[in-house]
């Protein structure tokens, strides 16, 4: 375990990649990174640390899209299977 003061942005990026390799959902990894960022900010506020590493969340392109299961597709055009497409169609 590394002391908090020695953790770098590269260490955080390695952690995020490790979690993705373990097949954690990108949204889960983003929540974990947000929690880590908050912990560093609280430590700085309490005077326990002088600085914190840069902690970047994952890009949205890594997040999964949601598709409706077949039983819920009634009334939706065949080309609009992706929920984001279905919600933005013109009426």
N, C-alpha and C. Protein backbone atom coordinates (compact mmCIF):
# COMPACT_ATOMS: atom_id res chain seq x y z
N UNK A 1 0.84 -1.17 0.00
CA UNK A 1 0.00 0.00 0.00
C UNK A 1 0.89 1.24 0.00
N UNK A 2 0.58 2.18 -0.89
CA UNK A 2 1.36 3.42 -1.00
C UNK A 2 0.86 4.46 -0.01
N UNK A 3 1.78 5.26 0.55
CA UNK A 3 1.32 6.41 1.35
C UNK A 3 0.58 7.38 0.43
N UNK A 4 -0.46 7.99 0.93
CA UNK A 4 -1.29 8.87 0.10
C UNK A 4 -0.48 9.98 -0.55
N UNK A 5 0.51 10.52 0.14
CA UNK A 5 1.30 11.63 -0.39
C UNK A 5 2.14 11.22 -1.59
N UNK A 6 2.39 9.92 -1.77
CA UNK A 6 3.24 9.48 -2.89
C UNK A 6 2.44 9.00 -4.10
N UNK A 7 1.12 9.02 -4.03
CA UNK A 7 0.28 8.57 -5.15
C UNK A 7 0.28 9.64 -6.24
N UNK A 8 0.53 9.20 -7.46
CA UNK A 8 0.57 10.12 -8.60
C UNK A 8 -0.64 9.90 -9.50
N UNK A 9 -0.83 10.82 -10.44
CA UNK A 9 -1.89 10.65 -11.43
C UNK A 9 -1.70 9.39 -12.24
N UNK A 10 -0.45 9.02 -12.52
CA UNK A 10 -0.18 7.79 -13.26
C UNK A 10 -0.61 6.57 -12.45
N UNK A 11 -0.42 6.61 -11.13
CA UNK A 11 -0.88 5.51 -10.28
C UNK A 11 -2.40 5.36 -10.36
N UNK A 12 -3.10 6.47 -10.35
CA UNK A 12 -4.56 6.44 -10.42
C UNK A 12 -5.01 5.90 -11.78
N UNK A 13 -4.34 6.32 -12.85
CA UNK A 13 -4.69 5.82 -14.19
C UNK A 13 -4.45 4.31 -14.28
N UNK A 14 -3.36 3.82 -13.68
CA UNK A 14 -3.09 2.38 -13.66
C UNK A 14 -4.21 1.64 -12.93
N UNK A 15 -4.65 2.22 -11.81
CA UNK A 15 -5.73 1.61 -11.05
C UNK A 15 -7.00 1.51 -11.90
N UNK A 16 -7.34 2.61 -12.60
CA UNK A 16 -8.55 2.62 -13.43
C UNK A 16 -8.45 1.55 -14.52
N UNK A 17 -7.29 1.43 -15.15
CA UNK A 17 -7.11 0.41 -16.18
C UNK A 17 -7.18 -1.00 -15.61
N UNK A 18 -6.62 -1.19 -14.42
CA UNK A 18 -6.71 -2.49 -13.75
C UNK A 18 -8.16 -2.86 -13.49
N UNK A 19 -8.95 -1.91 -13.01
CA UNK A 19 -10.37 -2.18 -12.72
C UNK A 19 -11.13 -2.53 -14.01
N UNK A 20 -10.82 -1.83 -15.11
CA UNK A 20 -11.47 -2.15 -16.38
C UNK A 20 -11.06 -3.54 -16.86
N UNK A 21 -9.78 -3.90 -16.66
CA UNK A 21 -9.32 -5.24 -17.03
C UNK A 21 -10.01 -6.32 -16.21
N UNK A 22 -10.40 -5.97 -14.99
CA UNK A 22 -11.15 -6.89 -14.13
C UNK A 22 -12.64 -6.92 -14.50
N UNK A 23 -12.99 -6.22 -15.58
CA UNK A 23 -14.35 -6.14 -16.12
C UNK A 23 -15.31 -5.38 -15.23
N UNK A 24 -14.80 -4.42 -14.47
CA UNK A 24 -15.68 -3.51 -13.74
C UNK A 24 -16.32 -2.58 -14.76
N UNK A 25 -17.56 -2.22 -14.54
CA UNK A 25 -18.26 -1.31 -15.44
C UNK A 25 -17.59 0.06 -15.39
N UNK A 26 -17.50 0.76 -16.53
CA UNK A 26 -16.90 2.09 -16.54
C UNK A 26 -17.56 3.05 -15.54
N UNK A 27 -18.86 2.96 -15.39
CA UNK A 27 -19.54 3.83 -14.42
C UNK A 27 -19.09 3.52 -12.99
N UNK A 28 -18.84 2.25 -12.70
CA UNK A 28 -18.34 1.85 -11.38
C UNK A 28 -16.95 2.44 -11.15
N UNK A 29 -16.10 2.34 -12.16
CA UNK A 29 -14.74 2.89 -12.05
C UNK A 29 -14.82 4.41 -11.85
N UNK A 30 -15.70 5.08 -12.57
CA UNK A 30 -15.86 6.53 -12.39
C UNK A 30 -16.30 6.87 -10.97
N UNK A 31 -17.19 6.09 -10.40
CA UNK A 31 -17.62 6.34 -9.02
C UNK A 31 -16.47 6.14 -8.05
N UNK A 32 -15.68 5.10 -8.27
CA UNK A 32 -14.51 4.86 -7.42
C UNK A 32 -13.51 6.00 -7.52
N UNK A 33 -13.29 6.50 -8.73
CA UNK A 33 -12.36 7.63 -8.92
C UNK A 33 -12.90 8.89 -8.26
N UNK A 34 -14.20 9.11 -8.34
CA UNK A 34 -14.81 10.27 -7.69
C UNK A 34 -14.65 10.17 -6.17
N UNK A 35 -14.81 8.98 -5.63
CA UNK A 35 -14.62 8.78 -4.20
C UNK A 35 -13.17 9.05 -3.78
N UNK A 36 -12.24 8.57 -4.58
CA UNK A 36 -10.83 8.81 -4.31
C UNK A 36 -10.50 10.30 -4.36
N UNK A 37 -11.04 10.99 -5.37
CA UNK A 37 -10.83 12.44 -5.48
C UNK A 37 -11.37 13.16 -4.24
N UNK A 38 -12.54 12.76 -3.80
CA UNK A 38 -13.15 13.38 -2.61
C UNK A 38 -12.29 13.12 -1.36
N UNK A 39 -11.77 11.91 -1.23
CA UNK A 39 -10.92 11.58 -0.08
C UNK A 39 -9.67 12.46 -0.06
N UNK A 40 -9.05 12.65 -1.22
CA UNK A 40 -7.89 13.53 -1.28
C UNK A 40 -8.25 14.97 -0.91
N UNK A 41 -9.38 15.45 -1.42
CA UNK A 41 -9.78 16.82 -1.09
C UNK A 41 -10.05 17.00 0.40
N UNK A 42 -10.67 16.01 1.03
CA UNK A 42 -10.91 16.09 2.47
C UNK A 42 -9.60 16.07 3.26
N UNK A 43 -8.64 15.25 2.80
CA UNK A 43 -7.34 15.19 3.47
C UNK A 43 -6.61 16.54 3.37
N UNK A 44 -6.72 17.19 2.22
CA UNK A 44 -6.11 18.51 2.05
C UNK A 44 -6.79 19.51 2.97
N UNK A 45 -8.11 19.48 3.00
CA UNK A 45 -8.87 20.40 3.85
C UNK A 45 -8.51 20.23 5.34
N UNK A 46 -8.25 19.01 5.75
CA UNK A 46 -7.90 18.73 7.14
C UNK A 46 -6.41 18.97 7.43
N UNK A 47 -5.65 19.32 6.41
CA UNK A 47 -4.24 19.57 6.61
C UNK A 47 -3.38 18.32 6.65
N UNK A 48 -3.93 17.20 6.22
CA UNK A 48 -3.19 15.94 6.24
C UNK A 48 -2.30 15.77 5.01
N UNK A 49 -2.67 16.43 3.91
CA UNK A 49 -1.89 16.39 2.67
C UNK A 49 -1.73 17.82 2.16
N UNK A 50 -0.63 18.05 1.43
CA UNK A 50 -0.39 19.37 0.86
C UNK A 50 -0.91 19.46 -0.58
N UNK A 51 -0.98 18.32 -1.28
CA UNK A 51 -1.41 18.32 -2.68
C UNK A 51 -2.06 16.98 -2.99
N UNK A 52 -2.70 16.94 -4.14
CA UNK A 52 -3.34 15.70 -4.58
C UNK A 52 -3.01 15.44 -6.04
N UNK A 53 -3.07 14.17 -6.46
CA UNK A 53 -2.81 13.86 -7.87
C UNK A 53 -3.99 14.27 -8.75
N UNK A 54 -3.72 14.40 -10.02
CA UNK A 54 -4.80 14.65 -10.99
C UNK A 54 -5.56 13.34 -11.14
N UNK A 55 -6.88 13.40 -10.93
CA UNK A 55 -7.72 12.20 -11.03
C UNK A 55 -8.78 12.48 -12.09
N UNK A 56 -8.61 11.85 -13.23
CA UNK A 56 -9.53 12.04 -14.36
C UNK A 56 -10.49 10.86 -14.43
N UNK A 57 -11.76 11.14 -14.69
CA UNK A 57 -12.72 10.06 -14.89
C UNK A 57 -12.64 9.57 -16.33
N UNK A 58 -13.25 8.42 -16.59
CA UNK A 58 -13.22 7.83 -17.92
C UNK A 58 -14.05 8.65 -18.90
N UNK A 59 -13.65 8.62 -20.14
CA UNK A 59 -14.41 9.31 -21.19
C UNK A 59 -15.76 8.62 -21.38
N UNK A 60 -16.72 9.38 -21.82
CA UNK A 60 -18.06 8.82 -22.04
C UNK A 60 -18.05 7.76 -23.14
N UNK A 61 -17.09 7.82 -24.05
CA UNK A 61 -17.06 6.83 -25.14
C UNK A 61 -16.80 5.43 -24.62
N UNK A 62 -16.25 5.30 -23.40
CA UNK A 62 -16.01 3.98 -22.83
C UNK A 62 -17.24 3.42 -22.13
N UNK A 63 -18.22 4.28 -21.91
CA UNK A 63 -19.41 3.82 -21.21
C UNK A 63 -20.31 3.05 -22.17
N UNK A 64 -21.05 2.12 -21.63
CA UNK A 64 -21.89 1.26 -22.44
C UNK A 64 -23.19 1.96 -22.85
N UNK A 65 -23.71 1.56 -24.00
CA UNK A 65 -25.03 2.05 -24.37
C UNK A 65 -26.07 1.04 -23.90
N UNK A 66 -27.29 1.47 -23.80
CA UNK A 66 -28.36 0.62 -23.31
C UNK A 66 -29.30 0.29 -24.46
N UNK A 67 -29.60 -0.96 -24.65
CA UNK A 67 -30.56 -1.38 -25.66
C UNK A 67 -31.74 -2.03 -24.97
N UNK A 68 -32.92 -1.75 -25.50
CA UNK A 68 -34.13 -2.34 -24.94
C UNK A 68 -34.20 -3.83 -25.24
N UNK A 69 -34.64 -4.63 -24.28
CA UNK A 69 -34.86 -6.05 -24.55
C UNK A 69 -36.00 -6.20 -25.57
N UNK A 70 -36.01 -7.29 -26.33
CA UNK A 70 -37.02 -7.46 -27.39
C UNK A 70 -38.46 -7.28 -26.92
N UNK A 71 -38.81 -7.71 -25.72
CA UNK A 71 -40.21 -7.63 -25.29
C UNK A 71 -40.67 -6.19 -25.07
N UNK A 72 -39.73 -5.24 -24.99
CA UNK A 72 -40.10 -3.84 -24.78
C UNK A 72 -40.01 -3.00 -26.06
N UNK A 73 -39.72 -3.64 -27.17
CA UNK A 73 -39.50 -2.89 -28.42
C UNK A 73 -40.76 -2.64 -29.22
N UNK A 74 -41.91 -3.10 -28.76
CA UNK A 74 -43.14 -2.90 -29.51
C UNK A 74 -43.42 -1.41 -29.67
N UNK A 75 -43.72 -1.00 -30.88
CA UNK A 75 -44.03 0.40 -31.15
C UNK A 75 -42.82 1.25 -31.45
N UNK A 76 -41.65 0.69 -31.37
CA UNK A 76 -40.44 1.45 -31.68
C UNK A 76 -39.97 0.99 -33.06
N UNK A 77 -39.65 1.93 -33.94
CA UNK A 77 -39.19 1.55 -35.28
C UNK A 77 -37.98 0.62 -35.21
N UNK A 78 -37.87 -0.27 -36.21
CA UNK A 78 -36.80 -1.28 -36.21
C UNK A 78 -35.42 -0.66 -36.13
N UNK A 79 -35.20 0.50 -36.72
CA UNK A 79 -33.89 1.13 -36.70
C UNK A 79 -33.58 1.86 -35.41
N UNK A 80 -34.55 1.95 -34.51
CA UNK A 80 -34.37 2.72 -33.27
C UNK A 80 -34.31 1.80 -32.06
N UNK A 81 -33.47 0.80 -32.12
CA UNK A 81 -33.37 -0.16 -31.03
C UNK A 81 -32.61 0.45 -29.84
N UNK A 82 -31.60 1.27 -30.13
CA UNK A 82 -30.84 1.91 -29.06
C UNK A 82 -31.74 2.94 -28.38
N UNK A 83 -31.78 2.94 -27.06
CA UNK A 83 -32.70 3.80 -26.32
C UNK A 83 -32.48 5.28 -26.61
N UNK A 84 -31.22 5.69 -26.80
CA UNK A 84 -30.98 7.10 -27.08
C UNK A 84 -31.57 7.49 -28.43
N UNK A 85 -31.53 6.59 -29.41
CA UNK A 85 -32.12 6.85 -30.71
C UNK A 85 -33.66 6.87 -30.58
N UNK A 86 -34.21 5.96 -29.83
CA UNK A 86 -35.66 5.86 -29.68
C UNK A 86 -36.22 7.11 -29.00
N UNK A 87 -35.51 7.66 -28.06
CA UNK A 87 -36.00 8.82 -27.32
C UNK A 87 -35.92 10.11 -28.11
N UNK A 88 -35.09 10.14 -29.14
CA UNK A 88 -34.90 11.37 -29.88
C UNK A 88 -35.57 11.35 -31.26
N UNK A 89 -36.42 10.38 -31.49
CA UNK A 89 -37.09 10.36 -32.79
C UNK A 89 -38.14 11.45 -32.86
N UNK A 90 -38.47 11.86 -34.06
CA UNK A 90 -39.50 12.89 -34.24
C UNK A 90 -40.88 12.25 -34.21
N UNK A 91 -41.81 12.91 -33.58
CA UNK A 91 -43.17 12.38 -33.48
C UNK A 91 -44.01 12.91 -34.58
